[in-house]
């Protein structure tokens, strides 16, 4: 996996969150069928770009889009 793959995966997760709202790691995995390592790399990319927020709910970590970036189109 190279940086381009990670960026592409970040875009997929961005669209997944835009379509479904906040999801936890397990739910992202169910939608994408990716290993956790791939999900974490993509989430790191999105976090570094300040595109997502992390919140804890019901003893699970959920990821949601940062509202200030919701209107952007992520490629």
Protein backbone atom coordinates (compact mmCIF):
# COMPACT_ATOMS: atom_id res chain seq x y z
CA UNK A 1 0.00 0.00 0.00
CA UNK A 2 1.34 3.43 -0.92
CA UNK A 3 0.28 7.00 -0.11
CA UNK A 4 -2.02 7.15 -3.13
CA UNK A 5 -3.91 4.09 -1.88
CA UNK A 6 -4.26 5.64 1.58
CA UNK A 7 -5.58 8.87 0.05
CA UNK A 8 -8.05 6.94 -2.09
CA UNK A 9 -9.23 4.99 0.95
CA UNK A 10 -9.60 8.27 2.86
CA UNK A 11 -11.88 9.52 0.09
CA UNK A 12 -14.00 6.37 0.30
CA UNK A 13 -14.39 6.77 4.06
CA UNK A 14 -15.18 10.49 3.67
CA UNK A 15 -18.04 9.63 1.29
CA UNK A 16 -19.19 6.82 3.58
CA UNK A 17 -19.42 9.23 6.51
CA UNK A 18 -21.13 11.86 4.34
CA UNK A 19 -23.77 9.33 3.32
CA UNK A 20 -24.28 7.60 6.69
CA UNK A 21 -23.29 10.02 9.43
CA UNK A 22 -21.13 8.97 12.37
CA UNK A 23 -19.82 5.39 12.23
CA UNK A 24 -17.55 3.35 14.46
CA UNK A 25 -14.54 1.34 13.27
CA UNK A 26 -16.54 -1.90 13.07
CA UNK A 27 -19.23 -0.28 10.95
CA UNK A 28 -16.65 1.23 8.60
CA UNK A 29 -15.11 -2.23 8.27
CA UNK A 30 -18.50 -3.77 7.49
CA UNK A 31 -19.05 -1.25 4.69
CA UNK A 32 -15.55 -1.44 3.21
CA UNK A 33 -14.38 -4.99 4.07
CA UNK A 34 -10.92 -3.54 4.80
CA UNK A 35 -8.48 -4.62 7.51
CA UNK A 36 -8.34 -2.34 10.53
CA UNK A 37 -4.84 -1.17 9.55
CA UNK A 38 -6.18 0.23 6.25
CA UNK A 39 -9.03 1.96 8.06
CA UNK A 40 -6.69 3.50 10.64
CA UNK A 41 -4.31 4.79 7.96
CA UNK A 42 -7.18 6.42 6.07
CA UNK A 43 -8.60 7.91 9.28
CA UNK A 44 -5.17 9.29 10.12
CA UNK A 45 -5.10 10.98 6.71
CA UNK A 46 -8.53 12.51 7.31
CA UNK A 47 -7.64 13.55 10.86
CA UNK A 48 -4.44 15.24 9.68
CA UNK A 49 -6.51 17.22 7.16
CA UNK A 50 -8.97 18.11 9.95
CA UNK A 51 -11.83 16.48 8.01
CA UNK A 52 -13.14 14.28 10.86
CA UNK A 53 -13.95 14.35 14.57
CA UNK A 54 -13.70 11.47 17.01
CA UNK A 55 -16.31 10.97 19.71
CA UNK A 56 -16.95 8.30 22.29
CA UNK A 57 -20.45 6.90 22.57
CA UNK A 58 -21.63 3.69 24.23
CA UNK A 59 -18.02 2.60 24.96
CA UNK A 60 -17.11 2.82 21.26
CA UNK A 61 -15.21 5.41 19.28
CA UNK A 62 -17.25 7.00 16.51
CA UNK A 63 -15.98 9.05 13.62
CA UNK A 64 -17.97 11.86 12.03
CA UNK A 65 -17.22 14.50 9.44
CA UNK A 66 -16.07 17.87 10.68
CA UNK A 67 -19.00 20.20 9.92
CA UNK A 68 -16.79 22.94 8.53
CA UNK A 69 -15.59 20.61 5.77
CA UNK A 70 -18.88 18.92 4.99
CA UNK A 71 -19.58 21.12 1.99
CA UNK A 72 -16.27 20.18 0.33
CA UNK A 73 -16.15 17.48 -2.27
CA UNK A 74 -13.45 14.95 -1.37
CA UNK A 75 -11.79 13.15 -4.26
